[in-house]
């Protein structure tokens, strides 16, 4: 059985052949910059409550997490957009 770790390793190794070396170097530098920023010390852990937020939706309307939670459980998804 192939584990998730195995699949991620294969994907990472395959990137070396698909992504130009200069772009890959930029990506690796961005990861190192994030690590050095200390961001990992500020992320929520499993089971920690998420702070309330307000964000603009795809229609330009403000959405308040408290209003959504008042209606029931809330699921967030993140879409990186089109590059």
C-alpha atoms as a PDB file:
ATOM      1  CA  UNK A   1       0.000   0.000   0.000  1.00  0.00           C
ATOM      2  CA  UNK A   2       1.348   3.411  -0.970  1.00  0.00           C
ATOM      3  CA  UNK A   3       1.289   5.923   1.864  1.00  0.00           C
ATOM      4  CA  UNK A   4       0.619   9.627   1.571  1.00  0.00           C
ATOM      5  CA  UNK A   5       4.267  10.258   2.458  1.00  0.00           C
ATOM      6  CA  UNK A   6       5.321   8.020  -0.455  1.00  0.00           C
ATOM      7  CA  UNK A   7       3.033   9.894  -2.849  1.00  0.00           C
ATOM      8  CA  UNK A   8       4.311  13.274  -1.678  1.00  0.00           C
ATOM      9  CA  UNK A   9       7.914  12.154  -2.056  1.00  0.00           C
ATOM     10  CA  UNK A  10       7.215  10.936  -5.600  1.00  0.00           C
ATOM     11  CA  UNK A  11       5.483  14.211  -6.446  1.00  0.00           C
ATOM     12  CA  UNK A  12       8.408  16.205  -5.057  1.00  0.00           C
ATOM     13  CA  UNK A  13      10.925  14.122  -6.994  1.00  0.00           C
ATOM     14  CA  UNK A  14       8.891  14.416 -10.198  1.00  0.00           C
ATOM     15  CA  UNK A  15       8.844  18.203  -9.855  1.00  0.00           C
ATOM     16  CA  UNK A  16      12.567  18.236 -10.610  1.00  0.00           C
ATOM     17  CA  UNK A  17      11.791  17.051 -14.142  1.00  0.00           C
ATOM     18  CA  UNK A  18       8.682  19.213 -14.733  1.00  0.00           C
ATOM     19  CA  UNK A  19       9.680  22.566 -13.241  1.00  0.00           C
ATOM     20  CA  UNK A  20      12.529  24.638 -14.677  1.00  0.00           C
ATOM     21  CA  UNK A  21      15.542  24.812 -12.352  1.00  0.00           C
ATOM     22  CA  UNK A  22      15.315  28.601 -11.902  1.00  0.00           C
ATOM     23  CA  UNK A  23      11.628  28.399 -10.927  1.00  0.00           C
ATOM     24  CA  UNK A  24      12.352  25.490  -8.573  1.00  0.00           C
ATOM     25  CA  UNK A  25      15.116  27.519  -6.898  1.00  0.00           C
ATOM     26  CA  UNK A  26      12.661  30.388  -6.333  1.00  0.00           C
ATOM     27  CA  UNK A  27      10.123  27.988  -4.840  1.00  0.00           C
ATOM     28  CA  UNK A  28      12.715  26.459  -2.496  1.00  0.00           C
ATOM     29  CA  UNK A  29      13.866  29.932  -1.422  1.00  0.00           C
ATOM     30  CA  UNK A  30      10.269  30.948  -0.698  1.00  0.00           C
ATOM     31  CA  UNK A  31       9.845  27.883   1.528  1.00  0.00           C
ATOM     32  CA  UNK A  32      13.062  28.663   3.384  1.00  0.00           C
ATOM     33  CA  UNK A  33      11.982  32.300   3.817  1.00  0.00           C
ATOM     34  CA  UNK A  34       8.686  31.148   5.326  1.00  0.00           C
ATOM     35  CA  UNK A  35      10.463  28.774   7.694  1.00  0.00           C
ATOM     36  CA  UNK A  36      12.868  31.531   8.767  1.00  0.00           C
ATOM     37  CA  UNK A  37       9.970  33.943   9.373  1.00  0.00           C
ATOM     38  CA  UNK A  38       8.751  31.892  12.336  1.00  0.00           C
ATOM     39  CA  UNK A  39       5.320  31.436  10.784  1.00  0.00           C
ATOM     40  CA  UNK A  40       5.172  27.811  11.913  1.00  0.00           C
ATOM     41  CA  UNK A  41       5.210  29.002  15.532  1.00  0.00           C
ATOM     42  CA  UNK A  42       2.023  31.006  14.907  1.00  0.00           C
ATOM     43  CA  UNK A  43      -0.176  28.491  13.094  1.00  0.00           C
ATOM     44  CA  UNK A  44      -3.142  26.865  14.781  1.00  0.00           C
ATOM     45  CA  UNK A  45      -2.721  23.322  15.964  1.00  0.00           C
ATOM     46  CA  UNK A  46      -5.234  20.502  15.667  1.00  0.00           C
ATOM     47  CA  UNK A  47      -8.312  21.216  17.770  1.00  0.00           C
ATOM     48  CA  UNK A  48      -7.482  24.890  18.364  1.00  0.00           C
ATOM     49  CA  UNK A  49     -10.336  27.298  17.656  1.00  0.00           C
ATOM     50  CA  UNK A  50      -9.955  29.577  14.681  1.00  0.00           C
ATOM     51  CA  UNK A  51     -10.177  33.318  15.341  1.00  0.00           C
ATOM     52  CA  UNK A  52     -13.176  35.179  13.945  1.00  0.00           C
ATOM     53  CA  UNK A  53     -12.614  36.841  10.577  1.00  0.00           C
ATOM     54  CA  UNK A  54     -14.225  38.892   7.857  1.00  0.00           C
ATOM     55  CA  UNK A  55     -13.253  38.320   4.225  1.00  0.00           C
ATOM     56  CA  UNK A  56     -14.513  39.348   0.840  1.00  0.00           C
ATOM     57  CA  UNK A  57     -16.183  36.562  -1.139  1.00  0.00           C
ATOM     58  CA  UNK A  58     -15.996  36.063  -4.925  1.00  0.00           C
ATOM     59  CA  UNK A  59     -18.908  38.471  -5.354  1.00  0.00           C
ATOM     60  CA  UNK A  60     -17.157  41.286  -3.477  1.00  0.00           C
ATOM     61  CA  UNK A  61     -19.423  40.901  -0.429  1.00  0.00           C
ATOM     62  CA  UNK A  62     -18.010  40.824   3.104  1.00  0.00           C
ATOM     63  CA  UNK A  63     -18.533  37.526   4.908  1.00  0.00           C
ATOM     64  CA  UNK A  64     -18.291  37.299   8.706  1.00  0.00           C
ATOM     65  CA  UNK A  65     -17.304  33.947  10.186  1.00  0.00           C
ATOM     66  CA  UNK A  66     -19.401  34.599  13.319  1.00  0.00           C
ATOM     67  CA  UNK A  67     -22.561  34.989  11.211  1.00  0.00           C
ATOM     68  CA  UNK A  68     -21.775  31.772   9.347  1.00  0.00           C
ATOM     69  CA  UNK A  69     -21.073  29.854  12.567  1.00  0.00           C
ATOM     70  CA  UNK A  70     -24.395  31.033  13.989  1.00  0.00           C
ATOM     71  CA  UNK A  71     -26.055  29.033  11.194  1.00  0.00           C
ATOM     72  CA  UNK A  72     -24.079  25.827  11.891  1.00  0.00           C
ATOM     73  CA  UNK A  73     -20.654  24.219  11.347  1.00  0.00           C
ATOM     74  CA  UNK A  74     -18.241  26.050   9.061  1.00  0.00           C
ATOM     75  CA  UNK A  75     -15.904  24.487   6.519  1.00  0.00           C
ATOM     76  CA  UNK A  76     -13.215  26.596   4.861  1.00  0.00           C
ATOM     77  CA  UNK A  77     -11.499  25.821   1.591  1.00  0.00           C
ATOM     78  CA  UNK A  78      -8.595  27.695   0.083  1.00  0.00           C
ATOM     79  CA  UNK A  79      -8.280  28.176  -3.642  1.00  0.00           C
ATOM     80  CA  UNK A  80      -4.958  29.459  -4.896  1.00  0.00           C
ATOM     81  CA  UNK A  81      -6.474  30.941  -8.045  1.00  0.00           C
ATOM     82  CA  UNK A  82      -5.289  30.714 -11.608  1.00  0.00           C
ATOM     83  CA  UNK A  83      -1.660  31.396 -12.416  1.00  0.00           C
END
